[in-house]
């Protein structure tokens, strides 16, 4: 069994604190697969100390990132100093292969570090998680694609848009001709490369269609500044255009190669991290953002309620049963969401280490759970927003941003519980899956 204590990243003042443990010992337990030895079962598994250090670095950035949140929203992208902070801390490279200088931490690190950064600013956490995860995915491409990126600059950032119908490709000698218009390419202005999803088909589609991901250099696509949003304002999630561009075969990977088990990159990156089913676990790349945002909202509300009295009758808010119940309900939702997210990520790594590939039922459950966990976080923020009364109306505080960001996170297709729930129900009833990426 994997120990799953959930208190190692919580702030000291948190109401639901269950007791402090030594950080290093906790990380060893959290990351262990065998007898408390970090990374057991993996020849290149992460050490507990590096895991603790990385989460600690993310937490250390919280005060400054919170102070910059308004600036980030105004810029509609991450400020240069924030990008530099994330680079200097090594956070973008937490799941990049060690052979090119990455930390190669277990997959759950994406949740934990996004959780920490999300307690400062969801936009920062969103771009961190997106861009960090693309180092993980690149580790599954052919080595020549990896060398084309990391051979030039191991710190290079990679954007993405995994909206497959947005791109169309046709086979050509040695590769593909790609064209399309992709929305929601988060952090794209900061990136030298982009992973763009597309559908490959023959002229008459007699051979069927194939889902494939194409890795393009910035010189091969055009960015349209379209990101004027009410939530996640600082993510710079702009549109990308490609017009009949040749992409070499080695700079692409088929989705069918990313469903679990060996990938084109396995020869150089044998760690189980790079044998995970990518799109089954896709929600957990970003779910920590909603988690951290909700945790910050709860912590702020508790601090506010401890020291304030009602405007109308001067009753202490902390003495009101309604306040106490709201805190209990919101914290229960957040704790449950964290448990679901982390358990699924830790279990997925354990499965990959023993060479087990989850079946379709298990994959649809992962998608269902990811969407449901973020739904719980959104409900917690909405509950606290409503409980805050007129305080929630002021644009000067963090609460209104946390509310907007919570709903922006929840609007991502990966967190659409109707879609994830429907597909889970279909598979449970013996019907074909409607998600072609699984």
Protein backbone atom coordinates (compact mmCIF):
# COMPACT_ATOMS: atom_id res chain seq x y z
CA UNK A 1 0.00 0.00 0.00
CA UNK A 2 1.10 3.55 -0.69
CA UNK A 3 0.95 5.92 2.29
CA UNK A 4 -1.15 8.91 1.33
CA UNK A 5 -0.99 11.42 4.17
CA UNK A 6 -2.25 14.71 2.82
CA UNK A 7 -0.90 17.28 5.25
CA UNK A 8 2.70 17.82 4.05
CA UNK A 9 1.92 20.85 1.90
CA UNK A 10 -0.70 22.55 4.11
CA UNK A 11 -0.01 25.85 5.78
CA UNK A 12 0.63 25.89 9.51
CA UNK A 13 -2.47 27.92 10.24
CA UNK A 14 -4.88 25.65 8.46
CA UNK A 15 -7.97 24.76 10.51
CA UNK A 16 -8.00 21.12 9.50
CA UNK A 17 -4.29 20.52 10.23
CA UNK A 18 -3.83 16.91 11.33
CA UNK A 19 -0.34 17.30 12.73
CA UNK A 20 3.08 18.03 11.31
CA UNK A 21 5.51 15.40 10.11
CA UNK A 22 9.11 15.76 9.15
CA UNK A 23 9.08 16.83 5.50
CA UNK A 24 11.74 14.44 4.30
CA UNK A 25 10.17 11.41 5.94
CA UNK A 26 6.77 12.31 4.53
CA UNK A 27 8.13 12.61 1.02
CA UNK A 28 9.84 9.23 1.29
CA UNK A 29 6.53 7.67 2.20
CA UNK A 30 4.56 9.54 -0.44
CA UNK A 31 6.97 8.73 -3.24
CA UNK A 32 7.79 5.18 -2.15
CA UNK A 33 6.69 2.04 -3.88
CA UNK A 34 8.66 -0.43 -1.74
CA UNK A 35 9.53 -0.25 1.91
CA UNK A 36 9.79 3.52 2.04
CA UNK A 37 12.61 3.72 -0.51
CA UNK A 38 11.91 6.61 -2.86
CA UNK A 39 11.41 5.59 -6.44
CA UNK A 40 11.56 1.86 -5.70
CA UNK A 41 11.06 -0.27 -8.77
CA UNK A 42 12.43 2.37 -11.11
CA UNK A 43 16.05 2.56 -12.17
CA UNK A 44 15.76 6.32 -12.50
CA UNK A 45 13.22 7.01 -9.79
CA UNK A 46 13.18 10.37 -8.01
CA UNK A 47 14.80 10.80 -4.61
CA UNK A 48 12.70 11.91 -1.69
CA UNK A 49 15.00 14.85 -0.98
CA UNK A 50 14.60 16.27 -4.50
CA UNK A 51 10.84 15.86 -4.25
CA UNK A 52 10.68 17.70 -0.94
CA UNK A 53 12.96 20.41 -2.29
CA UNK A 54 10.84 20.96 -5.38
CA UNK A 55 7.57 21.26 -3.47
CA UNK A 56 9.31 23.55 -0.97
CA UNK A 57 10.52 25.78 -3.80
CA UNK A 58 6.99 26.06 -5.15
CA UNK A 59 5.65 26.97 -1.70
CA UNK A 60 8.41 29.55 -1.19
CA UNK A 61 7.14 31.48 -4.23
CA UNK A 62 3.60 31.88 -2.86
CA UNK A 63 3.92 35.31 -1.18
CA UNK A 64 5.58 37.00 -4.13
CA UNK A 65 3.29 35.42 -6.71
CA UNK A 66 0.23 36.54 -4.74
CA UNK A 67 1.59 40.08 -4.73
CA UNK A 68 2.02 39.91 -8.52
CA UNK A 69 -1.41 38.45 -9.27
CA UNK A 70 -2.97 41.75 -10.35
CA UNK A 71 -0.04 42.48 -12.64
CA UNK A 72 -0.33 39.02 -14.14
CA UNK A 73 -4.00 39.61 -14.94
CA UNK A 74 -3.25 42.99 -16.49
CA UNK A 75 -0.52 41.56 -18.71
CA UNK A 76 -2.77 38.62 -19.72
CA UNK A 77 0.34 36.41 -19.52
CA UNK A 78 2.99 35.54 -16.97
CA UNK A 79 5.31 38.43 -16.11
CA UNK A 80 8.93 37.81 -17.17
CA UNK A 81 10.03 37.77 -13.54
CA UNK A 82 7.53 35.00 -12.78
CA UNK A 83 8.79 32.89 -15.65
CA UNK A 84 12.33 33.44 -14.40
CA UNK A 85 11.35 32.41 -10.87
CA UNK A 86 9.85 29.16 -12.18
CA UNK A 87 12.94 28.47 -14.29
CA UNK A 88 15.33 29.26 -11.45
CA UNK A 89 13.42 26.94 -9.12
CA UNK A 90 13.61 24.12 -11.68
CA UNK A 91 9.84 23.73 -11.59
CA UNK A 92 9.29 23.59 -15.33
CA UNK A 93 11.55 20.52 -15.44
CA UNK A 94 10.07 18.38 -12.66
CA UNK A 95 8.97 15.58 -15.03
CA UNK A 96 11.68 16.03 -17.67
CA UNK A 97 14.07 13.07 -18.10
CA UNK A 98 17.15 13.09 -15.89
CA UNK A 99 19.37 12.35 -18.89
CA UNK A 100 18.86 15.96 -20.04
CA UNK A 101 19.01 17.49 -16.59
CA UNK A 102 15.38 17.16 -15.53
CA UNK A 103 14.20 16.06 -12.09
CA UNK A 104 12.18 13.07 -13.40
CA UNK A 105 9.88 13.12 -10.38
CA UNK A 106 6.81 10.91 -10.16
CA UNK A 107 3.65 12.10 -11.89
CA UNK A 108 1.99 13.18 -8.63
CA UNK A 109 4.53 16.03 -8.45
CA UNK A 110 2.47 17.86 -11.09
CA UNK A 111 -0.52 17.85 -8.74
CA UNK A 112 1.46 18.81 -5.65
CA UNK A 113 3.45 21.64 -7.23
CA UNK A 114 0.39 23.03 -9.03
CA UNK A 115 -1.46 22.82 -5.71
CA UNK A 116 1.25 24.95 -4.06
CA UNK A 117 1.46 27.51 -6.87
CA UNK A 118 -2.33 27.61 -7.19
CA UNK A 119 -2.49 28.87 -3.62
CA UNK A 120 -0.76 31.99 -4.94
CA UNK A 121 -2.21 32.48 -8.42
CA UNK A 122 -4.12 29.98 -10.55
CA UNK A 123 -2.81 31.51 -13.79
CA UNK A 124 0.78 30.85 -12.74
CA UNK A 125 -0.08 27.31 -11.65
CA UNK A 126 -1.94 26.67 -14.91
CA UNK A 127 0.99 27.68 -17.12
CA UNK A 128 3.50 25.90 -14.91
CA UNK A 129 1.55 22.62 -15.09
CA UNK A 130 0.88 22.87 -18.81
CA UNK A 131 4.44 23.66 -19.79
CA UNK A 132 6.05 21.24 -17.34
CA UNK A 133 3.87 18.38 -18.58
CA UNK A 134 5.09 18.87 -22.15
CA UNK A 135 8.62 17.92 -21.09
CA UNK A 136 7.06 14.68 -19.83
CA UNK A 137 5.26 14.11 -23.11
CA UNK A 138 8.31 14.94 -25.21
CA UNK A 139 10.09 12.14 -23.35
CA UNK A 140 7.73 9.76 -25.18
CA UNK A 141 8.59 11.05 -28.69
CA UNK A 142 11.33 9.62 -30.87
CA UNK A 143 14.79 10.48 -29.55
CA UNK A 144 15.48 12.65 -32.60
CA UNK A 145 12.53 14.88 -31.67
CA UNK A 146 13.81 15.10 -28.11
CA UNK A 147 17.28 16.03 -29.35
CA UNK A 148 15.85 18.66 -31.70
CA UNK A 149 14.38 20.47 -28.70
CA UNK A 150 16.61 19.68 -25.72
CA UNK A 151 19.79 19.51 -27.79
CA UNK A 152 19.38 23.22 -28.47
CA UNK A 153 18.07 24.23 -25.06
CA UNK A 154 17.05 21.88 -22.27
CA UNK A 155 15.09 24.74 -20.68
CA UNK A 156 13.05 25.39 -23.83
CA UNK A 157 9.32 25.70 -23.14
CA UNK A 158 6.72 23.86 -25.20
CA UNK A 159 3.11 24.98 -25.60
CA UNK A 160 0.23 22.84 -26.82
CA UNK A 161 -3.32 22.59 -28.03
CA UNK A 162 -4.79 19.10 -27.90
CA UNK A 163 -7.98 19.87 -29.78
CA UNK A 164 -7.72 17.22 -32.47
CA UNK A 165 -10.47 18.37 -34.86
CA UNK A 166 -8.76 21.79 -35.06
CA UNK A 167 -5.94 20.35 -37.17
CA UNK A 168 -5.93 18.33 -40.37
CA UNK A 169 -2.95 16.47 -41.76
CA UNK A 170 -2.26 14.38 -44.82
CA UNK A 171 0.60 11.98 -45.33
CA UNK A 172 3.56 13.11 -47.40
CA UNK A 173 6.96 11.64 -48.21
CA UNK A 174 8.79 11.40 -44.89
CA UNK A 175 6.11 13.08 -42.83
CA UNK A 176 2.86 15.04 -42.96
CA UNK A 177 1.42 18.27 -44.30
CA UNK A 178 -0.40 19.99 -41.44
CA UNK A 179 -2.82 22.85 -41.35
CA UNK A 180 -5.26 24.15 -38.77
CA UNK A 181 -6.37 26.78 -36.28
CA UNK A 182 -6.04 25.86 -32.60
CA UNK A 183 -7.44 27.88 -29.67
CA UNK A 184 -6.33 27.84 -26.03
CA UNK A 185 -2.56 27.41 -26.45
CA UNK A 186 -1.62 28.46 -22.92
CA UNK A 187 1.67 30.27 -22.39
CA UNK A 188 2.40 30.18 -26.10
CA UNK A 189 4.22 33.53 -26.20
CA UNK A 190 6.84 32.14 -23.84
CA UNK A 191 7.49 29.00 -25.87
CA UNK A 192 9.92 27.98 -28.62
CA UNK A 193 7.89 24.90 -29.59
CA UNK A 194 4.29 23.71 -29.73
CA UNK A 195 2.56 20.33 -29.61
CA UNK A 196 -0.49 20.56 -31.85
CA UNK A 197 -3.07 17.80 -32.18
CA UNK A 198 -4.55 16.83 -35.52
CA UNK A 199 -6.49 14.25 -37.45
CA UNK A 200 -4.63 12.39 -40.19
CA UNK A 201 -6.74 11.05 -43.01
CA UNK A 202 -6.45 9.99 -46.62
CA UNK A 203 -8.27 11.94 -49.33
CA UNK A 204 -11.26 9.61 -49.27
CA UNK A 205 -10.71 8.50 -45.67
CA UNK A 206 -10.86 4.92 -46.89
CA UNK A 207 -8.01 4.03 -44.56
CA UNK A 208 -9.79 5.59 -41.60
CA UNK A 209 -8.45 8.42 -39.46
CA UNK A 210 -5.63 8.65 -36.98
CA UNK A 211 -5.10 11.01 -34.03
CA UNK A 212 -1.54 12.33 -33.99
CA UNK A 213 0.44 15.05 -32.19
CA UNK A 214 2.78 17.29 -34.17
CA UNK A 215 5.80 19.09 -32.69
CA UNK A 216 6.49 22.39 -34.41
CA UNK A 217 9.09 25.09 -33.94
CA UNK A 218 7.85 28.61 -33.30
CA UNK A 219 8.95 29.61 -36.82
CA UNK A 220 6.35 27.19 -38.22
CA UNK A 221 3.18 28.64 -36.68
CA UNK A 222 1.54 32.01 -36.17
CA UNK A 223 0.17 33.31 -32.86
CA UNK A 224 -3.01 35.35 -32.71
CA UNK A 225 -3.51 37.44 -29.56
CA UNK A 226 -7.08 36.52 -28.65
CA UNK A 227 -6.91 35.92 -24.87
CA UNK A 228 -9.30 38.36 -23.22
CA UNK A 229 -10.95 36.22 -20.57
CA UNK A 230 -12.78 36.52 -17.26
CA UNK A 231 -10.80 33.77 -15.56
CA UNK A 232 -7.24 32.46 -15.74
CA UNK A 233 -6.58 35.87 -17.23
CA UNK A 234 -2.81 35.63 -16.95
CA UNK A 235 -2.34 32.41 -18.92
CA UNK A 236 -2.03 34.00 -22.37
CA UNK A 237 -3.99 31.14 -23.91
CA UNK A 238 -3.92 32.50 -27.44
CA UNK A 239 -4.77 30.98 -30.82
CA UNK A 240 -2.25 29.29 -33.14
CA UNK A 241 -2.43 29.04 -36.94
CA UNK A 242 -0.57 26.62 -39.23
CA UNK A 243 -0.93 26.66 -43.01
CA UNK A 244 0.24 23.64 -45.02
CA UNK A 245 3.46 23.07 -43.10
CA UNK A 246 5.57 19.94 -43.52
CA UNK A 247 6.24 18.07 -40.27
CA UNK A 248 8.75 15.22 -40.39
CA UNK A 249 7.57 11.82 -39.17
CA UNK A 250 10.07 11.82 -36.29
CA UNK A 251 8.58 15.09 -34.99
CA UNK A 252 5.21 13.44 -34.48
CA UNK A 253 3.73 10.77 -32.26
CA UNK A 254 0.53 8.78 -32.67
CA UNK A 255 -1.99 8.92 -29.84
CA UNK A 256 -2.18 5.13 -30.08
CA UNK A 257 1.45 5.08 -28.86
CA UNK A 258 0.50 7.03 -25.71
CA UNK A 259 -2.16 4.75 -24.25
CA UNK A 260 0.15 3.08 -21.73
CA UNK A 261 3.27 0.94 -21.97
CA UNK A 262 6.35 1.42 -24.17
CA UNK A 263 6.50 4.52 -26.37
CA UNK A 264 8.88 5.68 -29.12
CA UNK A 265 10.93 7.34 -26.38
CA UNK A 266 11.21 4.29 -24.13
CA UNK A 267 14.64 3.26 -25.39
CA UNK A 268 16.22 6.39 -23.93
CA UNK A 269 13.70 7.09 -21.15
CA UNK A 270 12.92 3.73 -19.50
CA UNK A 271 11.41 5.19 -16.32
CA UNK A 272 7.80 4.11 -15.73
CA UNK A 273 6.92 7.81 -15.76
CA UNK A 274 7.15 7.69 -19.56
CA UNK A 275 4.96 4.59 -19.83
CA UNK A 276 1.86 6.18 -18.29
CA UNK A 277 -1.35 6.45 -20.37
CA UNK A 278 -1.21 10.14 -21.32
CA UNK A 279 -4.81 11.06 -22.05
CA UNK A 280 -6.28 8.84 -19.34
CA UNK A 281 -4.30 10.90 -16.83
CA UNK A 282 -4.75 14.16 -18.70
CA UNK A 283 -7.03 15.78 -16.06
CA UNK A 284 -4.33 15.45 -13.40
CA UNK A 285 -1.91 17.64 -15.32
CA UNK A 286 -4.12 20.59 -14.38
CA UNK A 287 -6.32 19.41 -11.51
CA UNK A 288 -3.85 20.68 -8.91
CA UNK A 289 -4.54 24.21 -10.13
CA UNK A 290 -8.16 24.02 -9.03
CA UNK A 291 -7.08 22.34 -5.81
CA UNK A 292 -4.59 25.03 -4.81
CA UNK A 293 -6.99 27.80 -5.76
CA UNK A 294 -9.70 26.28 -3.56
CA UNK A 295 -7.27 25.76 -0.68
CA UNK A 296 -6.24 29.41 -0.81
CA UNK A 297 -9.87 30.48 -0.84
CA UNK A 298 -10.58 28.36 2.25
CA UNK A 299 -7.49 29.57 4.12
CA UNK A 300 -8.38 33.19 3.36
CA UNK A 301 -11.96 32.69 4.50
CA UNK A 302 -10.88 31.05 7.78
CA UNK A 303 -8.46 33.89 8.50
CA UNK A 304 -11.14 36.46 7.70
CA UNK A 305 -13.79 34.77 9.86
CA UNK A 306 -11.46 34.47 12.85
CA UNK A 307 -11.06 38.22 13.18
CA UNK A 308 -14.25 39.78 11.89
CA UNK A 309 -17.63 40.62 13.35
CA UNK A 310 -20.96 41.02 11.60
CA UNK A 311 -21.53 44.54 10.29
CA UNK A 312 -25.14 44.49 11.52
CA UNK A 313 -25.08 42.99 15.01
CA UNK A 314 -21.34 42.81 15.80
CA UNK A 315 -21.56 39.08 16.42
CA UNK A 316 -18.21 37.36 15.89
CA UNK A 317 -18.32 35.43 12.61
CA UNK A 318 -16.33 32.62 14.18
CA UNK A 319 -19.13 32.08 16.72
CA UNK A 320 -21.80 31.62 14.06
CA UNK A 321 -22.79 28.02 13.38
CA UNK A 322 -23.35 28.84 9.72
CA UNK A 323 -19.73 29.96 9.40
CA UNK A 324 -18.50 26.79 11.06
CA UNK A 325 -20.62 24.57 8.80
CA UNK A 326 -19.43 26.35 5.65
CA UNK A 327 -15.82 25.81 6.67
CA UNK A 328 -16.48 22.14 7.40
CA UNK A 329 -18.22 21.54 4.08
CA UNK A 330 -15.69 23.41 1.95
CA UNK A 331 -12.71 21.75 3.66
CA UNK A 332 -14.29 18.29 3.26
CA UNK A 333 -14.71 18.86 -0.48
CA UNK A 334 -11.13 20.07 -0.85
CA UNK A 335 -9.64 17.24 1.22
CA UNK A 336 -11.67 14.68 -0.72
CA UNK A 337 -10.53 16.19 -4.03
CA UNK A 338 -6.89 16.08 -2.95
CA UNK A 339 -7.20 12.46 -1.89
CA UNK A 340 -8.75 11.44 -5.21
CA UNK A 341 -6.17 13.30 -7.29
CA UNK A 342 -3.13 12.05 -5.42
CA UNK A 343 -4.31 8.47 -4.98
CA UNK A 344 -4.97 8.05 -8.69
CA UNK A 345 -1.58 9.51 -9.66
CA UNK A 346 0.35 7.41 -7.15
CA UNK A 347 -1.55 4.27 -8.15
CA UNK A 348 -0.93 4.96 -11.85
CA UNK A 349 2.82 5.10 -11.22
CA UNK A 350 2.63 1.84 -9.27
CA UNK A 351 0.80 0.21 -12.17
CA UNK A 352 3.35 1.48 -14.69
CA UNK A 353 6.26 0.22 -12.57
CA UNK A 354 4.84 -3.30 -12.61
CA UNK A 355 4.09 -3.12 -16.34
CA UNK A 356 0.32 -3.06 -15.93
CA UNK A 357 -1.70 -1.10 -18.51
CA UNK A 358 -5.18 -0.16 -17.27
CA UNK A 359 -8.15 -1.37 -19.27
CA UNK A 360 -10.73 0.93 -20.79
CA UNK A 361 -12.96 0.81 -17.72
CA UNK A 362 -10.07 1.93 -15.52
CA UNK A 363 -9.13 4.69 -17.96
CA UNK A 364 -12.63 6.11 -18.04
CA UNK A 365 -12.67 5.99 -14.25
CA UNK A 366 -9.50 8.09 -14.16
CA UNK A 367 -11.16 10.68 -16.38
CA UNK A 368 -14.35 10.57 -14.29
CA UNK A 369 -12.43 11.03 -11.04
CA UNK A 370 -10.34 13.89 -12.39
CA UNK A 371 -13.41 15.81 -13.46
CA UNK A 372 -15.27 15.07 -10.23
CA UNK A 373 -12.35 16.17 -8.04
CA UNK A 374 -12.16 19.56 -9.74
CA UNK A 375 -15.94 19.84 -9.51
CA UNK A 376 -15.59 19.48 -5.73
CA UNK A 377 -13.01 22.27 -5.66
CA UNK A 378 -15.25 24.55 -7.70
CA UNK A 379 -18.18 23.84 -5.39
CA UNK A 380 -16.02 24.70 -2.36
CA UNK A 381 -15.01 28.06 -3.83
CA UNK A 382 -18.58 28.89 -4.83
CA UNK A 383 -19.80 28.02 -1.33
CA UNK A 384 -17.20 30.29 0.30
CA UNK A 385 -17.82 33.08 -2.19
CA UNK A 386 -21.53 33.07 -1.33
CA UNK A 387 -20.76 32.89 2.40
CA UNK A 388 -18.54 35.97 2.18
CA UNK A 389 -21.42 38.34 1.52
CA UNK A 390 -20.63 41.82 0.26
CA UNK A 391 -16.90 41.23 0.79
CA UNK A 392 -16.93 39.13 -2.37
CA UNK A 393 -17.96 42.13 -4.47
CA UNK A 394 -14.71 44.05 -4.13
CA UNK A 395 -12.18 43.76 -6.95
CA UNK A 396 -9.33 44.64 -4.58
CA UNK A 397 -9.30 41.26 -2.83
CA UNK A 398 -8.26 37.80 -3.93
CA UNK A 399 -11.70 36.25 -3.47
CA UNK A 400 -13.23 37.53 -6.71
CA UNK A 401 -10.20 36.26 -8.67
CA UNK A 402 -10.35 32.87 -6.93
CA UNK A 403 -14.02 32.58 -7.87
CA UNK A 404 -13.38 33.51 -11.51
CA UNK A 405 -10.37 31.24 -11.76
CA UNK A 406 -12.21 28.30 -10.19
CA UNK A 407 -14.90 28.46 -12.83
CA UNK A 408 -12.38 29.01 -15.61
CA UNK A 409 -10.49 25.88 -14.54
CA UNK A 410 -13.75 23.95 -14.38
CA UNK A 411 -14.64 25.00 -17.93
CA UNK A 412 -11.80 22.94 -19.40
CA UNK A 413 -13.13 19.92 -21.28
CA UNK A 414 -11.07 17.57 -19.12
CA UNK A 415 -13.14 18.72 -16.13
CA UNK A 416 -16.54 18.58 -17.79
CA UNK A 417 -18.19 16.01 -15.57
CA UNK A 418 -21.12 15.52 -17.94
CA UNK A 419 -18.71 14.44 -20.69
CA UNK A 420 -16.49 12.33 -18.43
CA UNK A 421 -19.46 10.85 -16.60
CA UNK A 422 -21.31 10.01 -19.78
CA UNK A 423 -18.33 8.16 -21.21
CA UNK A 424 -17.75 6.30 -17.95
CA UNK A 425 -21.39 5.26 -17.92
CA UNK A 426 -21.25 4.14 -21.54
CA UNK A 427 -18.26 1.88 -20.93
CA UNK A 428 -19.78 0.54 -17.70
CA UNK A 429 -22.87 -0.41 -19.70
CA UNK A 430 -20.85 -2.18 -22.38
CA UNK A 431 -21.11 0.57 -24.99
CA UNK A 432 -18.13 1.88 -27.02
CA UNK A 433 -16.08 4.72 -25.56
CA UNK A 434 -16.64 8.10 -27.19
CA UNK A 435 -13.18 9.32 -26.19
CA UNK A 436 -10.86 8.28 -29.02
CA UNK A 437 -7.69 9.24 -27.12
CA UNK A 438 -7.98 6.48 -24.51
